[in-house]
Every structure is written in structure tokens, then in C-alpha cells.
Amino acid sequence: ISEYARKVAHTVYHPAGTCRMGAADDQQAVVDPQLRIRGLEGIRIADASVFPTMPAVNPMIGVLMVGEKCAELLADRARDTAPVTSTSTGGDAR
């Protein structure tokens, strides 16, 4: 029985929770609420490592949701940093 178990047994191990997410002032957090890595510019984490614990189901849907949120954060940042241009009527674009 032991030999059979070794041959057919496998794990479904999904690492999660290895990059603690916390408030911007949380010195123990690796990642802030906007998924930015503390102390590094221009890099974010968008995978299961930001989960606080491993979910009871396959984490793929949760990982996809984190990826979608990261895409939204990046789009918001791009929109916020876009240069202001004047309109064709000569007024200020604000």
C-alpha cells in the first residue's frame, strides 16, 4: 500500500501569502494596497502571493481578479499622469 501511495499521490500546492499586503504605513508589509512593492519604483505584484491565506478552492479565479485590479490601478495611474492639452476651442482642458 505504501508503494502504491507514493506512485499515485501528488499534491496540489499553490503557494500564497508570501508577500504581505498592508496599509501604506505598515512597515512589515511587502506590498501596499495598490500592489506596489515597498521600496521599489515601477513594479507591482499581482498574483497569489498577496493573498492573506490560501483559499479553499483553486486560486486561479482570485489571481485573475488581482490581475484585473492591477490593470485598473495602472490605467488610473496612466490617466492621472497624462499631459494636459488644450482643446480645439482654445480653452484650458482641466
Protein backbone atom coordinates (compact mmCIF):
# COMPACT_ATOMS: atom_id res chain seq x y z
CA ILE A 1 0.00 0.00 0.00
CA SER A 2 2.85 2.37 0.85
CA GLU A 3 4.48 1.86 -2.57
CA TYR A 4 1.14 2.43 -4.33
CA ALA A 5 0.56 5.65 -2.36
CA ARG A 6 3.99 7.01 -3.33
CA LYS A 7 3.32 6.27 -7.01
CA VAL A 8 -0.11 7.86 -7.24
CA ALA A 9 -0.03 10.55 -4.59
CA HIS A 10 0.52 14.12 -5.63
CA THR A 11 -0.06 17.50 -4.13
CA VAL A 12 -1.99 20.42 -5.42
CA TYR A 13 0.15 23.01 -3.74
CA HIS A 14 -0.41 26.64 -4.63
CA PRO A 15 1.93 29.00 -2.79
CA ALA A 16 0.11 32.02 -1.42
CA GLY A 17 0.59 34.72 1.18
CA THR A 18 4.34 35.14 0.74
CA CYS A 19 4.22 38.92 0.07
CA ARG A 20 2.24 40.51 2.86
CA MET A 21 -0.08 43.30 1.69
CA GLY A 22 -0.72 46.07 4.19
CA ALA A 23 -1.50 49.72 4.68
CA ALA A 24 0.89 52.27 3.20
CA ASP A 25 2.37 52.89 6.67
CA ASP A 26 2.72 49.18 7.57
CA GLN A 27 6.47 48.64 7.82
CA GLN A 28 6.02 44.85 7.79
CA ALA A 29 4.09 44.82 4.50
CA VAL A 30 5.92 43.92 1.30
CA VAL A 31 3.11 45.28 -0.87
CA ASP A 32 0.89 48.34 -0.36
CA PRO A 33 -2.87 48.43 -1.14
CA GLN A 34 -2.08 49.46 -4.74
CA LEU A 35 0.03 46.29 -5.18
CA ARG A 36 3.28 48.30 -5.29
CA ILE A 37 6.38 46.73 -3.76
CA ARG A 38 7.61 48.88 -0.90
CA GLY A 39 10.98 50.49 -1.66
CA LEU A 40 10.93 49.82 -5.41
CA GLU A 41 9.65 52.06 -8.18
CA GLY A 42 7.60 50.81 -11.13
CA ILE A 43 6.93 47.23 -10.03
CA ARG A 44 3.80 45.63 -8.62
CA ILE A 45 2.83 42.14 -7.53
CA ALA A 46 -0.36 40.68 -8.98
CA ASP A 47 -0.51 37.02 -8.02
CA ALA A 48 -1.49 34.73 -5.14
CA SER A 49 1.46 35.87 -3.06
CA VAL A 50 -0.59 38.90 -1.93
CA PHE A 51 -3.43 36.69 -0.61
CA PRO A 52 -3.58 36.72 3.19
CA THR A 53 -4.22 32.94 3.24
CA MET A 54 -4.69 30.17 0.73
CA PRO A 55 -8.33 29.95 -0.39
CA ALA A 56 -10.12 26.62 -0.05
CA VAL A 57 -10.67 26.43 -3.82
CA ASN A 58 -8.30 26.66 -6.76
CA PRO A 59 -6.81 30.17 -6.62
CA MET A 60 -6.90 30.85 -10.36
CA ILE A 61 -10.06 33.00 -10.28
CA GLY A 62 -8.70 35.02 -7.36
CA VAL A 63 -5.39 35.53 -9.16
CA LEU A 64 -7.26 36.71 -12.26
CA MET A 65 -9.19 39.19 -10.09
CA VAL A 66 -5.94 40.54 -8.60
CA GLY A 67 -4.57 40.89 -12.14
CA GLU A 68 -7.68 42.80 -13.24
CA LYS A 69 -7.38 45.12 -10.23
CA CYS A 70 -3.71 45.72 -11.02
CA ALA A 71 -4.63 46.60 -14.61
CA GLU A 72 -7.21 49.10 -13.32
CA LEU A 73 -4.63 50.66 -10.98
CA LEU A 74 -2.15 51.02 -13.85
CA ALA A 75 -4.82 52.53 -16.13
CA ASP A 76 -5.80 55.01 -13.41
CA ARG A 77 -2.15 55.96 -12.93
CA ALA A 78 -1.66 56.46 -16.68
CA ARG A 79 -4.78 58.64 -16.81
CA ASP A 80 -3.61 60.68 -13.80
CA THR A 81 -0.17 61.31 -15.30
CA ALA A 82 -1.32 62.05 -18.87
CA PRO A 83 -0.25 65.51 -20.06
CA VAL A 84 -2.92 68.20 -20.12
CA THR A 85 -3.61 69.53 -23.61
CA SER A 86 -5.65 72.48 -24.72
CA THR A 87 -8.97 71.95 -26.52
CA SER A 88 -9.60 72.94 -30.11
CA THR A 89 -11.75 75.89 -28.92
CA GLY A 90 -8.75 77.46 -27.23
CA GLY A 91 -9.90 76.81 -23.67
CA ASP A 92 -7.99 75.05 -20.95
CA ALA A 93 -8.52 71.32 -20.61
CA ARG A 94 -9.00 70.60 -16.93
